[in-house]
C-alpha atoms as a PDB file:
ATOM      1  CA  UNK A   1       2.008  28.004  20.519  1.00  0.00           C
ATOM      2  CA  UNK A   2       3.059  29.339  23.621  1.00  0.00           C
ATOM      3  CA  UNK A   3       7.230  29.894  24.909  1.00  0.00           C
ATOM      4  CA  UNK A   4       6.974  26.694  27.003  1.00  0.00           C
ATOM      5  CA  UNK A   5       5.718  24.728  24.120  1.00  0.00           C
ATOM      6  CA  UNK A   6       8.524  26.370  21.944  1.00  0.00           C
ATOM      7  CA  UNK A   7      11.131  25.808  24.321  1.00  0.00           C
ATOM      8  CA  UNK A   8      10.208  21.890  24.733  1.00  0.00           C
ATOM      9  CA  UNK A   9      10.493  21.422  21.069  1.00  0.00           C
ATOM     10  CA  UNK A  10      13.581  23.050  21.220  1.00  0.00           C
ATOM     11  CA  UNK A  11      14.965  20.989  23.292  1.00  0.00           C
ATOM     12  CA  UNK A  12      13.138  17.941  21.396  1.00  0.00           C
ATOM     13  CA  UNK A  13      14.872  18.935  18.104  1.00  0.00           C
ATOM     14  CA  UNK A  14      18.003  19.200  19.713  1.00  0.00           C
ATOM     15  CA  UNK A  15      17.940  15.668  21.180  1.00  0.00           C
ATOM     16  CA  UNK A  16      16.483  14.123  17.981  1.00  0.00           C
ATOM     17  CA  UNK A  17      19.117  15.865  15.855  1.00  0.00           C
ATOM     18  CA  UNK A  18      21.755  14.635  18.007  1.00  0.00           C
ATOM     19  CA  UNK A  19      20.427  11.107  17.978  1.00  0.00           C
ATOM     20  CA  UNK A  20      19.776  10.643  14.048  1.00  0.00           C
ATOM     21  CA  UNK A  21      23.565  12.404  13.730  1.00  0.00           C
ATOM     22  CA  UNK A  22      22.185  15.396  11.582  1.00  0.00           C
ATOM     23  CA  UNK A  23      24.099  18.203  11.955  1.00  0.00           C
ATOM     24  CA  UNK A  24      22.382  20.750  14.287  1.00  0.00           C
ATOM     25  CA  UNK A  25      23.543  23.527  11.602  1.00  0.00           C
ATOM     26  CA  UNK A  26      21.129  21.627   8.336  1.00  0.00           C
ATOM     27  CA  UNK A  27      18.516  22.605  10.614  1.00  0.00           C
ATOM     28  CA  UNK A  28      19.022  26.062  11.300  1.00  0.00           C
ATOM     29  CA  UNK A  29      16.337  27.917  10.039  1.00  0.00           C
ATOM     30  CA  UNK A  30      14.084  25.278  11.967  1.00  0.00           C
ATOM     31  CA  UNK A  31      15.387  26.248  15.293  1.00  0.00           C
ATOM     32  CA  UNK A  32      15.204  29.897  14.287  1.00  0.00           C
ATOM     33  CA  UNK A  33      10.933  29.440  13.818  1.00  0.00           C
ATOM     34  CA  UNK A  34      10.697  27.730  16.777  1.00  0.00           C
ATOM     35  CA  UNK A  35      12.449  30.408  18.906  1.00  0.00           C
ATOM     36  CA  UNK A  36      10.751  32.679  17.285  1.00  0.00           C
ATOM     37  CA  UNK A  37      13.625  34.723  15.156  1.00  0.00           C
ATOM     38  CA  UNK A  38      13.990  35.928  11.803  1.00  0.00           C
ATOM     39  CA  UNK A  39      11.511  36.532   8.875  1.00  0.00           C
ATOM     40  CA  UNK A  40       8.185  37.085  10.034  1.00  0.00           C
ATOM     41  CA  UNK A  41       5.998  36.123   6.696  1.00  0.00           C
ATOM     42  CA  UNK A  42       3.938  38.062   4.134  1.00  0.00           C
ATOM     43  CA  UNK A  43       0.632  40.231   4.688  1.00  0.00           C
ATOM     44  CA  UNK A  44      -1.741  38.444   5.803  1.00  0.00           C
ATOM     45  CA  UNK A  45       0.529  35.373   6.483  1.00  0.00           C
ATOM     46  CA  UNK A  46       0.185  34.441  10.105  1.00  0.00           C
ATOM     47  CA  UNK A  47       0.759  30.845  11.435  1.00  0.00           C
ATOM     48  CA  UNK A  48       1.831  29.392  14.604  1.00  0.00           C
ATOM     49  CA  UNK A  49       5.732  28.549  13.635  1.00  0.00           C
ATOM     50  CA  UNK A  50       6.914  30.055  11.093  1.00  0.00           C
ATOM     51  CA  UNK A  51      10.183  28.395   9.447  1.00  0.00           C
ATOM     52  CA  UNK A  52      11.710  31.641   7.423  1.00  0.00           C
ATOM     53  CA  UNK A  53      13.493  31.989   3.889  1.00  0.00           C
ATOM     54  CA  UNK A  54      10.353  29.842   2.351  1.00  0.00           C
ATOM     55  CA  UNK A  55       9.110  31.911  -0.392  1.00  0.00           C
ATOM     56  CA  UNK A  56       5.473  32.979   0.476  1.00  0.00           C
ATOM     57  CA  UNK A  57       2.692  33.322  -2.105  1.00  0.00           C
ATOM     58  CA  UNK A  58      -1.389  32.923  -1.172  1.00  0.00           C
ATOM     59  CA  UNK A  59      -2.126  31.162  -4.625  1.00  0.00           C
ATOM     60  CA  UNK A  60       0.394  28.429  -6.413  1.00  0.00           C
ATOM     61  CA  UNK A  61       0.619  26.974  -9.815  1.00  0.00           C
ATOM     62  CA  UNK A  62      -0.632  23.408  -9.863  1.00  0.00           C
ATOM     63  CA  UNK A  63       1.392  22.648 -12.795  1.00  0.00           C
ATOM     64  CA  UNK A  64       4.385  23.480 -10.772  1.00  0.00           C
ATOM     65  CA  UNK A  65       3.276  20.028  -8.669  1.00  0.00           C
ATOM     66  CA  UNK A  66       3.825  16.478 -10.770  1.00  0.00           C
ATOM     67  CA  UNK A  67       1.570  14.292  -8.547  1.00  0.00           C
ATOM     68  CA  UNK A  68      -1.607  17.183  -9.728  1.00  0.00           C
ATOM     69  CA  UNK A  69      -2.329  15.389 -12.879  1.00  0.00           C
ATOM     70  CA  UNK A  70      -2.233  11.952 -10.829  1.00  0.00           C
ATOM     71  CA  UNK A  71      -4.954  13.246  -8.832  1.00  0.00           C
ATOM     72  CA  UNK A  72      -7.345  14.851 -11.619  1.00  0.00           C
ATOM     73  CA  UNK A  73      -6.953  11.826 -13.307  1.00  0.00           C
ATOM     74  CA  UNK A  74      -7.909   9.397 -10.694  1.00  0.00           C
ATOM     75  CA  UNK A  75     -11.095  11.838  -9.798  1.00  0.00           C
ATOM     76  CA  UNK A  76     -13.375   9.783 -11.131  1.00  0.00           C
ATOM     77  CA  UNK A  77     -13.007   6.419  -8.084  1.00  0.00           C
ATOM     78  CA  UNK A  78     -11.562   9.163  -5.762  1.00  0.00           C
ATOM     79  CA  UNK A  79     -15.507  10.643  -6.411  1.00  0.00           C
ATOM     80  CA  UNK A  80     -17.315   7.306  -6.469  1.00  0.00           C
ATOM     81  CA  UNK A  81     -15.477   6.542  -2.898  1.00  0.00           C
ATOM     82  CA  UNK A  82     -16.111   9.839  -1.465  1.00  0.00           C
ATOM     83  CA  UNK A  83     -20.001   9.255  -2.583  1.00  0.00           C
ATOM     84  CA  UNK A  84     -19.538   6.244  -0.778  1.00  0.00           C
ATOM     85  CA  UNK A  85     -18.560   6.668   2.600  1.00  0.00           C
ATOM     86  CA  UNK A  86     -20.884  10.112   2.794  1.00  0.00           C
ATOM     87  CA  UNK A  87     -22.449   8.407   5.845  1.00  0.00           C
ATOM     88  CA  UNK A  88     -19.495   7.476   7.656  1.00  0.00           C
ATOM     89  CA  UNK A  89     -18.154  11.442   7.779  1.00  0.00           C
ATOM     90  CA  UNK A  90     -17.479  12.993  11.338  1.00  0.00           C
ATOM     91  CA  UNK A  91     -17.373  16.575  12.475  1.00  0.00           C
ATOM     92  CA  UNK A  92     -14.266  18.124  11.585  1.00  0.00           C
ATOM     93  CA  UNK A  93     -12.524  19.215  15.280  1.00  0.00           C
ATOM     94  CA  UNK A  94     -12.457  22.448  14.386  1.00  0.00           C
ATOM     95  CA  UNK A  95     -16.004  22.968  13.163  1.00  0.00           C
ATOM     96  CA  UNK A  96     -17.202  24.327  16.835  1.00  0.00           C
ATOM     97  CA  UNK A  97     -15.062  26.947  16.459  1.00  0.00           C
ATOM     98  CA  UNK A  98     -14.514  28.012  12.761  1.00  0.00           C
ATOM     99  CA  UNK A  99     -17.950  27.295  11.464  1.00  0.00           C
ATOM    100  CA  UNK A 100     -19.617  30.356  11.875  1.00  0.00           C
ATOM    101  CA  UNK A 101     -22.739  28.486  10.749  1.00  0.00           C
ATOM    102  CA  UNK A 102     -23.480  25.234   8.995  1.00  0.00           C
ATOM    103  CA  UNK A 103     -21.655  21.788   8.840  1.00  0.00           C
ATOM    104  CA  UNK A 104     -18.077  20.842   8.351  1.00  0.00           C
ATOM    105  CA  UNK A 105     -17.131  17.027   8.259  1.00  0.00           C
ATOM    106  CA  UNK A 106     -14.755  14.896   7.385  1.00  0.00           C
ATOM    107  CA  UNK A 107     -13.147  11.356   6.960  1.00  0.00           C
ATOM    108  CA  UNK A 108      -9.583  10.945   7.124  1.00  0.00           C
ATOM    109  CA  UNK A 109      -6.939   9.168   6.034  1.00  0.00           C
ATOM    110  CA  UNK A 110      -4.045  11.024   7.278  1.00  0.00           C
ATOM    111  CA  UNK A 111      -3.143  13.287  10.810  1.00  0.00           C
ATOM    112  CA  UNK A 112      -0.067  14.471  11.228  1.00  0.00           C
ATOM    113  CA  UNK A 113       1.820  11.364  10.784  1.00  0.00           C
ATOM    114  CA  UNK A 114      -1.201   9.051  11.786  1.00  0.00           C
ATOM    115  CA  UNK A 115      -2.658   7.202   9.371  1.00  0.00           C
ATOM    116  CA  UNK A 116      -6.057   5.943   9.596  1.00  0.00           C
ATOM    117  CA  UNK A 117      -6.365   2.195   8.313  1.00  0.00           C
ATOM    118  CA  UNK A 118      -9.867   1.321   8.063  1.00  0.00           C
ATOM    119  CA  UNK A 119     -10.624   4.508   5.804  1.00  0.00           C
ATOM    120  CA  UNK A 120      -7.602   3.212   3.471  1.00  0.00           C
ATOM    121  CA  UNK A 121      -8.889   0.107   3.284  1.00  0.00           C
ATOM    122  CA  UNK A 122     -12.570   1.201   2.498  1.00  0.00           C
ATOM    123  CA  UNK A 123     -11.126   3.674  -0.335  1.00  0.00           C
ATOM    124  CA  UNK A 124      -8.218   2.284  -1.818  1.00  0.00           C
ATOM    125  CA  UNK A 125      -7.909   3.745  -5.117  1.00  0.00           C
ATOM    126  CA  UNK A 126      -7.938   6.984  -2.870  1.00  0.00           C
ATOM    127  CA  UNK A 127      -5.358   5.670  -1.121  1.00  0.00           C
ATOM    128  CA  UNK A 128      -3.363   4.411  -3.457  1.00  0.00           C
ATOM    129  CA  UNK A 129      -3.541   8.117  -5.357  1.00  0.00           C
ATOM    130  CA  UNK A 130      -2.279   9.587  -1.995  1.00  0.00           C
ATOM    131  CA  UNK A 131       0.652   7.642  -1.936  1.00  0.00           C
ATOM    132  CA  UNK A 132       2.217   9.511  -5.245  1.00  0.00           C
ATOM    133  CA  UNK A 133       2.012  12.589  -3.348  1.00  0.00           C
ATOM    134  CA  UNK A 134       6.037  13.252  -1.377  1.00  0.00           C
ATOM    135  CA  UNK A 135       5.156  13.822   2.210  1.00  0.00           C
ATOM    136  CA  UNK A 136       1.938  12.738   2.037  1.00  0.00           C
ATOM    137  CA  UNK A 137       1.793  10.786   5.816  1.00  0.00           C
ATOM    138  CA  UNK A 138       3.970  13.152   7.061  1.00  0.00           C
ATOM    139  CA  UNK A 139       3.644  16.709   6.115  1.00  0.00           C
ATOM    140  CA  UNK A 140       0.094  16.928   7.385  1.00  0.00           C
ATOM    141  CA  UNK A 141      -3.385  16.168   6.316  1.00  0.00           C
ATOM    142  CA  UNK A 142      -5.344  14.243   4.073  1.00  0.00           C
ATOM    143  CA  UNK A 143      -9.279  14.053   3.915  1.00  0.00           C
ATOM    144  CA  UNK A 144     -12.215  14.179   2.261  1.00  0.00           C
ATOM    145  CA  UNK A 145     -13.913  17.565   3.143  1.00  0.00           C
ATOM    146  CA  UNK A 146     -17.985  18.307   2.866  1.00  0.00           C
ATOM    147  CA  UNK A 147     -19.119  21.403   4.047  1.00  0.00           C
ATOM    148  CA  UNK A 148     -23.137  21.536   3.954  1.00  0.00           C
ATOM    149  CA  UNK A 149     -25.326  23.992   2.386  1.00  0.00           C
ATOM    150  CA  UNK A 150     -24.825  27.645   4.350  1.00  0.00           C
ATOM    151  CA  UNK A 151     -21.693  26.299   5.529  1.00  0.00           C
ATOM    152  CA  UNK A 152     -19.123  30.007   6.864  1.00  0.00           C
ATOM    153  CA  UNK A 153     -16.013  28.716   8.082  1.00  0.00           C
ATOM    154  CA  UNK A 154     -14.333  32.132   9.376  1.00  0.00           C
ATOM    155  CA  UNK A 155     -11.312  34.146   8.104  1.00  0.00           C
ATOM    156  CA  UNK A 156      -8.375  31.753  10.033  1.00  0.00           C
ATOM    157  CA  UNK A 157      -4.342  31.142   9.674  1.00  0.00           C
ATOM    158  CA  UNK A 158      -2.942  27.272   9.040  1.00  0.00           C
ATOM    159  CA  UNK A 159      -0.495  26.425  11.892  1.00  0.00           C
ATOM    160  CA  UNK A 160       2.910  26.067   9.742  1.00  0.00           C
ATOM    161  CA  UNK A 161       4.176  27.711   6.346  1.00  0.00           C
ATOM    162  CA  UNK A 162       6.163  24.529   5.954  1.00  0.00           C
ATOM    163  CA  UNK A 163       3.387  22.671   4.038  1.00  0.00           C
ATOM    164  CA  UNK A 164       1.668  23.182   0.505  1.00  0.00           C
ATOM    165  CA  UNK A 165      -1.816  22.626   0.717  1.00  0.00           C
ATOM    166  CA  UNK A 166      -4.022  21.317  -2.009  1.00  0.00           C
ATOM    167  CA  UNK A 167      -8.150  20.119  -2.804  1.00  0.00           C
ATOM    168  CA  UNK A 168      -8.862  18.131  -5.710  1.00  0.00           C
ATOM    169  CA  UNK A 169     -12.975  19.316  -6.509  1.00  0.00           C
ATOM    170  CA  UNK A 170     -14.975  16.642  -6.060  1.00  0.00           C
ATOM    171  CA  UNK A 171     -18.758  17.654  -5.577  1.00  0.00           C
ATOM    172  CA  UNK A 172     -18.409  21.256  -6.282  1.00  0.00           C
ATOM    173  CA  UNK A 173     -22.060  23.230  -6.833  1.00  0.00           C
ATOM    174  CA  UNK A 174     -22.322  27.032  -7.696  1.00  0.00           C
ATOM    175  CA  UNK A 175     -22.159  30.075  -5.327  1.00  0.00           C
ATOM    176  CA  UNK A 176     -18.949  28.058  -3.518  1.00  0.00           C
ATOM    177  CA  UNK A 177     -15.693  29.641  -2.940  1.00  0.00           C
ATOM    178  CA  UNK A 178     -12.396  30.478  -1.202  1.00  0.00           C
ATOM    179  CA  UNK A 179     -10.411  33.562  -0.069  1.00  0.00           C
ATOM    180  CA  UNK A 180      -6.733  33.102   0.678  1.00  0.00           C
ATOM    181  CA  UNK A 181      -5.055  36.192   1.248  1.00  0.00           C
ATOM    182  CA  UNK A 182      -7.181  38.858  -0.953  1.00  0.00           C
ATOM    183  CA  UNK A 183      -8.329  36.802  -4.072  1.00  0.00           C
ATOM    184  CA  UNK A 184     -11.255  34.611  -3.988  1.00  0.00           C
ATOM    185  CA  UNK A 185     -11.252  31.360  -6.132  1.00  0.00           C
ATOM    186  CA  UNK A 186     -14.075  28.442  -6.327  1.00  0.00           C
ATOM    187  CA  UNK A 187     -13.314  25.192  -7.136  1.00  0.00           C
ATOM    188  CA  UNK A 188     -14.077  23.079 -10.189  1.00  0.00           C
ATOM    189  CA  UNK A 189     -14.989  19.065 -10.243  1.00  0.00           C
ATOM    190  CA  UNK A 190     -11.582  17.249 -11.254  1.00  0.00           C
ATOM    191  CA  UNK A 191      -9.440  20.025 -11.093  1.00  0.00           C
ATOM    192  CA  UNK A 192      -7.050  20.793  -8.311  1.00  0.00           C
ATOM    193  CA  UNK A 193      -5.979  23.878  -6.904  1.00  0.00           C
ATOM    194  CA  UNK A 194      -2.831  24.578  -4.495  1.00  0.00           C
ATOM    195  CA  UNK A 195      -2.863  27.271  -1.801  1.00  0.00           C
ATOM    196  CA  UNK A 196      -0.808  28.325   1.389  1.00  0.00           C
ATOM    197  CA  UNK A 197      -3.183  27.577   4.067  1.00  0.00           C
ATOM    198  CA  UNK A 198      -0.990  29.788   6.547  1.00  0.00           C
ATOM    199  CA  UNK A 199      -2.251  32.917   4.751  1.00  0.00           C
ATOM    200  CA  UNK A 200      -5.527  34.254   6.163  1.00  0.00           C
ATOM    201  CA  UNK A 201      -8.364  31.893   4.410  1.00  0.00           C
ATOM    202  CA  UNK A 202     -12.094  31.559   4.266  1.00  0.00           C
ATOM    203  CA  UNK A 203     -14.732  29.370   2.563  1.00  0.00           C
ATOM    204  CA  UNK A 204     -18.483  29.757   1.795  1.00  0.00           C
ATOM    205  CA  UNK A 205     -20.413  27.611   0.824  1.00  0.00           C
ATOM    206  CA  UNK A 206     -23.493  29.704  -0.118  1.00  0.00           C
ATOM    207  CA  UNK A 207     -25.375  26.751  -2.593  1.00  0.00           C
ATOM    208  CA  UNK A 208     -28.471  24.275  -1.765  1.00  0.00           C
ATOM    209  CA  UNK A 209     -26.001  21.060  -1.524  1.00  0.00           C
ATOM    210  CA  UNK A 210     -22.933  19.960  -0.345  1.00  0.00           C
ATOM    211  CA  UNK A 211     -19.390  21.100  -1.654  1.00  0.00           C
ATOM    212  CA  UNK A 212     -17.158  18.089  -1.615  1.00  0.00           C
ATOM    213  CA  UNK A 213     -13.008  18.041  -1.944  1.00  0.00           C
ATOM    214  CA  UNK A 214     -10.201  15.807  -1.057  1.00  0.00           C
ATOM    215  CA  UNK A 215      -8.055  18.079   1.405  1.00  0.00           C
ATOM    216  CA  UNK A 216      -3.816  16.969   1.481  1.00  0.00           C
ATOM    217  CA  UNK A 217      -0.647  18.296   2.334  1.00  0.00           C
ATOM    218  CA  UNK A 218       2.932  18.135   0.967  1.00  0.00           C
ATOM    219  CA  UNK A 219       5.771  19.621   2.327  1.00  0.00           C
ATOM    220  CA  UNK A 220       6.980  23.096   0.751  1.00  0.00           C
ATOM    221  CA  UNK A 221       8.773  22.396  -2.314  1.00  0.00           C
ATOM    222  CA  UNK A 222      12.252  24.737  -0.766  1.00  0.00           C
ATOM    223  CA  UNK A 223      12.592  22.687   2.449  1.00  0.00           C
ATOM    224  CA  UNK A 224      15.518  20.160   2.296  1.00  0.00           C
ATOM    225  CA  UNK A 225      14.976  16.545   2.640  1.00  0.00           C
ATOM    226  CA  UNK A 226      17.106  16.851   5.890  1.00  0.00           C
ATOM    227  CA  UNK A 227      14.163  19.687   6.979  1.00  0.00           C
ATOM    228  CA  UNK A 228      11.142  17.554   6.177  1.00  0.00           C
ATOM    229  CA  UNK A 229      13.109  14.993   7.982  1.00  0.00           C
ATOM    230  CA  UNK A 230      13.062  17.298  11.269  1.00  0.00           C
ATOM    231  CA  UNK A 231       9.189  18.399  10.971  1.00  0.00           C
ATOM    232  CA  UNK A 232       8.155  15.289  10.397  1.00  0.00           C
ATOM    233  CA  UNK A 233       9.652  14.645  13.770  1.00  0.00           C
ATOM    234  CA  UNK A 234       7.622  17.660  15.656  1.00  0.00           C
ATOM    235  CA  UNK A 235       4.945  16.696  13.813  1.00  0.00           C
ATOM    236  CA  UNK A 236       4.181  14.022  15.992  1.00  0.00           C
ATOM    237  CA  UNK A 237       4.657  16.222  18.844  1.00  0.00           C
ATOM    238  CA  UNK A 238       2.070  18.633  17.774  1.00  0.00           C
ATOM    239  CA  UNK A 239      -0.790  16.406  16.882  1.00  0.00           C
ATOM    240  CA  UNK A 240      -1.091  16.364  20.233  1.00  0.00           C
ATOM    241  CA  UNK A 241      -2.694  19.688  20.854  1.00  0.00           C
ATOM    242  CA  UNK A 242      -3.798  20.402  17.856  1.00  0.00           C
END
């Protein structure tokens, strides 16, 4: 995010604040983040937009998020729908820049405020389960993510620390793992891992078969309701260049 874009976003958020009647003082952290003021993040944390004052940790405890149990309970139906749509995947938009090798494909449900209606209709169990995740329609993204054997996704940081990311393991062969910050973990079929993708992270699939997860974002739990509303508005602006 360059300085020109930051200035445009500040102006747009000021106008949005006036239009909605939300006092700008309630959005101080968002304005500080847009203006590049305050906290610069933890070690190995490097988002383009950093909201100061939010707890920063690479990995989060899934038990702190009630919706995790809903995802895990519906794992069989979600996995079935993934397999049914395996031929309808498209290349991940960042695969060309982030995948050092291999093939990375997706099947999208949400993307920065945009809802993929046809995909929801094709995957009703997944769609209904996603509705249980707070902020799912606006906090970021939700999609099936598949990585072919030999795929190596280079270290990178997500765009913002205002979202928390989760993966539900769907098809998990041995010899595949993800590093977030300084710690590497793998997935387990039917289980959710929760992490902050604004920390540097990298993924490898050294197995001889595909690795598949359901990826989704939710708002950072320390954000206020007003801040989530403001960020939902900003996400629609950021969609054009993310």
